[in-house]
Amino acid sequence: MTDNWLIVGLGNPGSEYSQNRHNVGQMVLDELAARVGGGFKSHKSRAQVLEGRLGIGGPRIVLAKPLCYMNVSGGPVSALAKFYDIDPGHVIAVHDEIDIPFSTVKLKIGGGEGGHNGLRDISKALATKDYLRVRVGVGRPPGRMDTADFVLRDFSGPEKKELPFLIDSAADAVAALVRDGLTAAQQKFHSAQAP
């Protein structure tokens, strides 16, 4: 296996979904792409990809945005991991997370999917849950609103003002994961957000 990293931003295709909470993972990938320099190109795996390095002489990364709906993200992720010869331990899924507050970023490897169909499909396609996750907090639905309806809505006005900071922080968390490893990145990001 190579020392490449596959960083996948989860979301749904199409402009009508682009600003939804569910697409925050792809927003983070756009920020990472701006840092790496270059644009996404279509790949035969049904994803847009950008190959580059994290900083001069830094680790080689493949940024990927699947071109399919969230709940069938596994196929493109598995195909890209095979194509680039990347072990699941070097796959990072960046996704929306309702179980942590808005503007919070948490990191983990493995574990459950918490009802997240995109993660469930990736776990099935990779035949393991042992890949890294950057969990971007989008908050819980208000009242009795259905979770699916909530994540398929755009961020609120006040949230939109804070969103650039959240995306920036999540992109920093991805970079820390790749450069410093999970434990060091967790210590940095989890302690910074402790009340």
C-alpha atoms as a PDB file:
ATOM      1  CA  MET A   1       0.000   0.000   0.000  1.00  0.00           C
ATOM      2  CA  THR A   2       1.121   3.543  -0.746  1.00  0.00           C
ATOM      3  CA  ASP A   3       1.272   6.462   1.683  1.00  0.00           C
ATOM      4  CA  ASN A   4      -1.480   8.299  -0.190  1.00  0.00           C
ATOM      5  CA  TRP A   5      -4.584   9.542   1.583  1.00  0.00           C
ATOM      6  CA  LEU A   6      -8.119   9.524   0.197  1.00  0.00           C
ATOM      7  CA  ILE A   7     -10.245  12.355   1.585  1.00  0.00           C
ATOM      8  CA  VAL A   8     -13.922  12.103   0.659  1.00  0.00           C
ATOM      9  CA  GLY A   9     -16.447  14.895   1.102  1.00  0.00           C
ATOM     10  CA  LEU A  10     -19.941  13.471   1.399  1.00  0.00           C
ATOM     11  CA  GLY A  11     -22.959  15.199  -0.083  1.00  0.00           C
ATOM     12  CA  ASN A  12     -25.557  15.077  -2.840  1.00  0.00           C
ATOM     13  CA  PRO A  13     -24.960  16.152  -6.449  1.00  0.00           C
ATOM     14  CA  GLY A  14     -26.671  19.138  -8.021  1.00  0.00           C
ATOM     15  CA  SER A  15     -26.962  22.842  -7.277  1.00  0.00           C
ATOM     16  CA  GLU A  16     -30.242  22.408  -5.354  1.00  0.00           C
ATOM     17  CA  TYR A  17     -28.351  20.499  -2.634  1.00  0.00           C
ATOM     18  CA  SER A  18     -25.057  22.405  -2.676  1.00  0.00           C
ATOM     19  CA  GLN A  19     -25.779  24.585   0.377  1.00  0.00           C
ATOM     20  CA  ASN A  20     -27.646  21.932   2.414  1.00  0.00           C
ATOM     21  CA  ARG A  21     -26.366  20.837   5.817  1.00  0.00           C
ATOM     22  CA  HIS A  22     -25.949  17.355   4.303  1.00  0.00           C
ATOM     23  CA  ASN A  23     -23.361  18.782   1.878  1.00  0.00           C
ATOM     24  CA  VAL A  24     -21.033  20.326   4.442  1.00  0.00           C
ATOM     25  CA  GLY A  25     -18.489  17.570   3.708  1.00  0.00           C
ATOM     26  CA  GLN A  26     -18.232  18.737   0.105  1.00  0.00           C
ATOM     27  CA  MET A  27     -17.912  22.354   1.269  1.00  0.00           C
ATOM     28  CA  VAL A  28     -14.902  21.288   3.345  1.00  0.00           C
ATOM     29  CA  LEU A  29     -13.399  19.566   0.281  1.00  0.00           C
ATOM     30  CA  ASP A  30     -13.771  22.797  -1.710  1.00  0.00           C
ATOM     31  CA  GLU A  31     -11.773  24.572   1.014  1.00  0.00           C
ATOM     32  CA  LEU A  32      -9.079  21.879   0.928  1.00  0.00           C
ATOM     33  CA  ALA A  33      -8.958  22.132  -2.880  1.00  0.00           C
ATOM     34  CA  ALA A  34      -8.383  25.899  -2.595  1.00  0.00           C
ATOM     35  CA  ARG A  35      -5.488  25.217  -0.212  1.00  0.00           C
ATOM     36  CA  VAL A  36      -3.951  22.538  -2.455  1.00  0.00           C
ATOM     37  CA  GLY A  37      -4.492  24.542  -5.642  1.00  0.00           C
ATOM     38  CA  GLY A  38      -6.134  23.158  -8.756  1.00  0.00           C
ATOM     39  CA  GLY A  39      -9.575  22.053  -9.763  1.00  0.00           C
ATOM     40  CA  PHE A  40     -11.577  18.859  -9.516  1.00  0.00           C
ATOM     41  CA  LYS A  41     -11.658  16.590 -12.575  1.00  0.00           C
ATOM     42  CA  SER A  42     -14.077  13.790 -13.426  1.00  0.00           C
ATOM     43  CA  HIS A  43     -12.840  10.293 -12.611  1.00  0.00           C
ATOM     44  CA  LYS A  44     -14.151   6.964 -13.922  1.00  0.00           C
ATOM     45  CA  SER A  45     -15.141   6.049 -10.342  1.00  0.00           C
ATOM     46  CA  ARG A  46     -18.160   8.425 -10.517  1.00  0.00           C
ATOM     47  CA  ALA A  47     -16.430  11.119  -8.510  1.00  0.00           C
ATOM     48  CA  GLN A  48     -14.669  14.415  -9.002  1.00  0.00           C
ATOM     49  CA  VAL A  49     -11.069  14.172  -7.843  1.00  0.00           C
ATOM     50  CA  LEU A  50      -8.115  16.440  -7.224  1.00  0.00           C
ATOM     51  CA  GLU A  51      -4.663  15.009  -6.570  1.00  0.00           C
ATOM     52  CA  GLY A  52      -2.084  17.078  -4.736  1.00  0.00           C
ATOM     53  CA  ARG A  53       0.011  17.515  -1.625  1.00  0.00           C
ATOM     54  CA  LEU A  54      -0.725  19.047   1.742  1.00  0.00           C
ATOM     55  CA  GLY A  55       1.883  21.784   1.647  1.00  0.00           C
ATOM     56  CA  ILE A  56       5.240  21.735  -0.130  1.00  0.00           C
ATOM     57  CA  GLY A  57       6.665  18.238   0.141  1.00  0.00           C
ATOM     58  CA  GLY A  58       3.689  17.236   2.298  1.00  0.00           C
ATOM     59  CA  PRO A  59       1.700  13.993   2.168  1.00  0.00           C
ATOM     60  CA  ARG A  60       0.073  13.026  -1.136  1.00  0.00           C
ATOM     61  CA  ILE A  61      -3.695  13.353  -0.995  1.00  0.00           C
ATOM     62  CA  VAL A  62      -6.605  12.578  -3.260  1.00  0.00           C
ATOM     63  CA  LEU A  63      -9.623  14.802  -2.653  1.00  0.00           C
ATOM     64  CA  ALA A  64     -12.871  13.227  -3.863  1.00  0.00           C
ATOM     65  CA  LYS A  65     -16.479  14.333  -4.175  1.00  0.00           C
ATOM     66  CA  PRO A  66     -18.743  11.440  -5.233  1.00  0.00           C
ATOM     67  CA  LEU A  67     -21.118  12.319  -8.087  1.00  0.00           C
ATOM     68  CA  CYS A  68     -23.859  10.087  -6.685  1.00  0.00           C
ATOM     69  CA  TYR A  69     -26.375  10.533  -3.902  1.00  0.00           C
ATOM     70  CA  MET A  70     -25.137  10.312  -0.334  1.00  0.00           C
ATOM     71  CA  ASN A  71     -26.682   6.914   0.426  1.00  0.00           C
ATOM     72  CA  VAL A  72     -24.704   5.208  -2.386  1.00  0.00           C
ATOM     73  CA  SER A  73     -21.322   6.833  -1.697  1.00  0.00           C
ATOM     74  CA  GLY A  74     -19.633   3.493  -1.010  1.00  0.00           C
ATOM     75  CA  GLY A  75     -19.136   2.461  -4.639  1.00  0.00           C
ATOM     76  CA  PRO A  76     -17.074   5.507  -5.641  1.00  0.00           C
ATOM     77  CA  VAL A  77     -15.110   5.464  -2.360  1.00  0.00           C
ATOM     78  CA  SER A  78     -14.233   1.777  -2.731  1.00  0.00           C
ATOM     79  CA  ALA A  79     -13.320   2.224  -6.422  1.00  0.00           C
ATOM     80  CA  LEU A  80     -11.036   5.177  -5.630  1.00  0.00           C
ATOM     81  CA  ALA A  81      -9.344   3.323  -2.748  1.00  0.00           C
ATOM     82  CA  LYS A  82      -8.595   0.432  -5.124  1.00  0.00           C
ATOM     83  CA  PHE A  83      -7.498   2.704  -7.993  1.00  0.00           C
ATOM     84  CA  TYR A  84      -5.054   4.659  -5.816  1.00  0.00           C
ATOM     85  CA  ASP A  85      -4.050   1.616  -3.707  1.00  0.00           C
ATOM     86  CA  ILE A  86      -5.142   3.277  -0.453  1.00  0.00           C
ATOM     87  CA  ASP A  87      -5.741   1.256   2.700  1.00  0.00           C
ATOM     88  CA  PRO A  88      -9.042   1.976   4.566  1.00  0.00           C
ATOM     89  CA  GLY A  89      -6.951   3.345   7.460  1.00  0.00           C
ATOM     90  CA  HIS A  90      -5.921   6.172   5.101  1.00  0.00           C
ATOM     91  CA  VAL A  91      -9.489   6.968   4.006  1.00  0.00           C
ATOM     92  CA  ILE A  92     -11.052  10.044   5.622  1.00  0.00           C
ATOM     93  CA  ALA A  93     -14.799  10.650   5.265  1.00  0.00           C
ATOM     94  CA  VAL A  94     -15.830  14.257   5.926  1.00  0.00           C
ATOM     95  CA  HIS A  95     -19.531  14.399   6.742  1.00  0.00           C
ATOM     96  CA  ASP A  96     -22.366  16.215   8.472  1.00  0.00           C
ATOM     97  CA  GLU A  97     -23.154  15.085  12.020  1.00  0.00           C
ATOM     98  CA  ILE A  98     -26.408  15.890  13.841  1.00  0.00           C
ATOM     99  CA  ASP A  99     -25.262  14.357  17.136  1.00  0.00           C
ATOM    100  CA  ILE A 100     -22.807  17.156  17.883  1.00  0.00           C
ATOM    101  CA  PRO A 101     -23.581  20.889  18.073  1.00  0.00           C
ATOM    102  CA  PHE A 102     -23.296  23.204  15.105  1.00  0.00           C
ATOM    103  CA  SER A 103     -19.773  24.630  14.709  1.00  0.00           C
ATOM    104  CA  THR A 104     -18.154  21.617  16.422  1.00  0.00           C
ATOM    105  CA  VAL A 105     -15.687  19.264  14.719  1.00  0.00           C
ATOM    106  CA  LYS A 106     -14.946  15.781  16.086  1.00  0.00           C
ATOM    107  CA  LEU A 107     -12.588  13.095  14.795  1.00  0.00           C
ATOM    108  CA  LYS A 108     -12.740   9.331  15.131  1.00  0.00           C
ATOM    109  CA  ILE A 109     -11.926   6.028  13.496  1.00  0.00           C
ATOM    110  CA  GLY A 110     -14.452   3.229  13.147  1.00  0.00           C
ATOM    111  CA  GLY A 111     -17.499   2.869  15.336  1.00  0.00           C
ATOM    112  CA  GLY A 112     -21.131   3.109  14.370  1.00  0.00           C
ATOM    113  CA  GLU A 113     -22.659   5.186  11.618  1.00  0.00           C
ATOM    114  CA  GLY A 114     -25.327   6.822  13.810  1.00  0.00           C
ATOM    115  CA  GLY A 115     -28.021   6.391  11.166  1.00  0.00           C
ATOM    116  CA  HIS A 116     -25.868   8.137   8.532  1.00  0.00           C
ATOM    117  CA  ASN A 117     -26.647   6.279   5.292  1.00  0.00           C
ATOM    118  CA  GLY A 118     -23.569   7.601   3.495  1.00  0.00           C
ATOM    119  CA  LEU A 119     -21.278   6.172   6.164  1.00  0.00           C
ATOM    120  CA  ARG A 120     -23.231   2.911   6.251  1.00  0.00           C
ATOM    121  CA  ASP A 121     -22.730   2.475   2.495  1.00  0.00           C
ATOM    122  CA  ILE A 122     -18.999   3.260   2.726  1.00  0.00           C
ATOM    123  CA  SER A 123     -18.553   0.731   5.562  1.00  0.00           C
ATOM    124  CA  LYS A 124     -20.317  -1.904   3.458  1.00  0.00           C
ATOM    125  CA  ALA A 125     -18.287  -1.128   0.301  1.00  0.00           C
ATOM    126  CA  LEU A 126     -14.933  -1.068   2.128  1.00  0.00           C
ATOM    127  CA  ALA A 127     -15.945  -4.158   4.157  1.00  0.00           C
ATOM    128  CA  THR A 128     -14.754  -2.380   7.315  1.00  0.00           C
ATOM    129  CA  LYS A 129     -15.761   0.453   9.614  1.00  0.00           C
ATOM    130  CA  ASP A 130     -12.109   1.200  10.345  1.00  0.00           C
ATOM    131  CA  TYR A 131     -11.695   4.359   8.304  1.00  0.00           C
ATOM    132  CA  LEU A 132     -11.333   7.888   9.674  1.00  0.00           C
ATOM    133  CA  ARG A 133     -14.214  10.309  10.019  1.00  0.00           C
ATOM    134  CA  VAL A 134     -14.215  14.090  10.353  1.00  0.00           C
ATOM    135  CA  ARG A 135     -17.622  14.782  11.873  1.00  0.00           C
ATOM    136  CA  VAL A 136     -18.829  18.313  11.158  1.00  0.00           C
ATOM    137  CA  GLY A 137     -21.547  19.348  13.600  1.00  0.00           C
ATOM    138  CA  VAL A 138     -24.739  20.675  12.004  1.00  0.00           C
ATOM    139  CA  GLY A 139     -26.905  20.512  15.156  1.00  0.00           C
ATOM    140  CA  ARG A 140     -30.138  18.664  15.820  1.00  0.00           C
ATOM    141  CA  PRO A 141     -33.488  19.241  14.095  1.00  0.00           C
ATOM    142  CA  PRO A 142     -35.732  21.668  15.978  1.00  0.00           C
ATOM    143  CA  GLY A 143     -38.851  20.303  17.643  1.00  0.00           C
ATOM    144  CA  ARG A 144     -40.201  17.243  15.890  1.00  0.00           C
ATOM    145  CA  MET A 145     -38.752  17.995  12.475  1.00  0.00           C
ATOM    146  CA  ASP A 146     -37.708  14.887  10.570  1.00  0.00           C
ATOM    147  CA  THR A 147     -33.941  14.415  10.486  1.00  0.00           C
ATOM    148  CA  ALA A 148     -33.912  13.892   6.702  1.00  0.00           C
ATOM    149  CA  ASP A 149     -35.835  17.142   6.161  1.00  0.00           C
ATOM    150  CA  PHE A 150     -33.450  18.988   8.467  1.00  0.00           C
ATOM    151  CA  VAL A 151     -30.198  17.890   6.811  1.00  0.00           C
ATOM    152  CA  LEU A 152     -31.626  18.598   3.347  1.00  0.00           C
ATOM    153  CA  ARG A 153     -32.218  22.245   4.279  1.00  0.00           C
ATOM    154  CA  ASP A 154     -29.746  25.086   3.899  1.00  0.00           C
ATOM    155  CA  PHE A 155     -28.069  26.514   6.968  1.00  0.00           C
ATOM    156  CA  SER A 156     -29.976  29.290   8.755  1.00  0.00           C
ATOM    157  CA  GLY A 157     -29.007  32.954   8.419  1.00  0.00           C
ATOM    158  CA  PRO A 158     -27.036  33.086  11.694  1.00  0.00           C
ATOM    159  CA  GLU A 159     -25.392  29.727  10.892  1.00  0.00           C
ATOM    160  CA  LYS A 160     -24.307  30.987   7.450  1.00  0.00           C
ATOM    161  CA  LYS A 161     -22.304  33.743   9.162  1.00  0.00           C
ATOM    162  CA  GLU A 162     -20.413  31.123  11.207  1.00  0.00           C
ATOM    163  CA  LEU A 163     -20.182  28.534   8.420  1.00  0.00           C
ATOM    164  CA  PRO A 164     -16.862  29.749   6.909  1.00  0.00           C
ATOM    165  CA  PHE A 165     -15.207  29.307  10.325  1.00  0.00           C
ATOM    166  CA  LEU A 166     -16.667  25.801  10.688  1.00  0.00           C
ATOM    167  CA  ILE A 167     -15.486  24.792   7.206  1.00  0.00           C
ATOM    168  CA  ASP A 168     -12.038  26.231   7.882  1.00  0.00           C
ATOM    169  CA  SER A 169     -11.810  24.356  11.182  1.00  0.00           C
ATOM    170  CA  ALA A 170     -12.891  21.062   9.572  1.00  0.00           C
ATOM    171  CA  ALA A 171     -10.292  21.523   6.807  1.00  0.00           C
ATOM    172  CA  ASP A 172      -7.651  22.157   9.499  1.00  0.00           C
ATOM    173  CA  ALA A 173      -8.790  18.954  11.238  1.00  0.00           C
ATOM    174  CA  VAL A 174      -8.327  16.938   8.034  1.00  0.00           C
ATOM    175  CA  ALA A 175      -4.821  18.358   7.608  1.00  0.00           C
ATOM    176  CA  ALA A 176      -3.973  17.563  11.244  1.00  0.00           C
ATOM    177  CA  LEU A 177      -5.224  13.978  10.831  1.00  0.00           C
ATOM    178  CA  VAL A 178      -2.983  13.424   7.811  1.00  0.00           C
ATOM    179  CA  ARG A 179       0.088  15.149   9.238  1.00  0.00           C
ATOM    180  CA  ASP A 180      -0.068  14.310  12.949  1.00  0.00           C
ATOM    181  CA  GLY A 181      -2.271  11.234  13.296  1.00  0.00           C
ATOM    182  CA  LEU A 182      -5.601  10.675  15.022  1.00  0.00           C
ATOM    183  CA  THR A 183      -4.595  11.020  18.674  1.00  0.00           C
ATOM    184  CA  ALA A 184      -2.732  14.309  18.239  1.00  0.00           C
ATOM    185  CA  ALA A 185      -5.497  15.724  16.027  1.00  0.00           C
ATOM    186  CA  GLN A 186      -8.187  14.707  18.550  1.00  0.00           C
ATOM    187  CA  GLN A 187      -6.264  16.338  21.385  1.00  0.00           C
ATOM    188  CA  LYS A 188      -5.965  19.548  19.409  1.00  0.00           C
ATOM    189  CA  PHE A 189      -9.544  19.801  18.123  1.00  0.00           C
ATOM    190  CA  HIS A 190     -11.529  18.187  20.918  1.00  0.00           C
ATOM    191  CA  SER A 191      -9.849  20.156  23.708  1.00  0.00           C
ATOM    192  CA  ALA A 192     -10.185  23.426  21.788  1.00  0.00           C
ATOM    193  CA  GLN A 193     -13.979  22.936  21.722  1.00  0.00           C
ATOM    194  CA  ALA A 194     -14.440  21.798  25.303  1.00  0.00           C
ATOM    195  CA  PRO A 195     -16.823  24.039  27.291  1.00  0.00           C
END
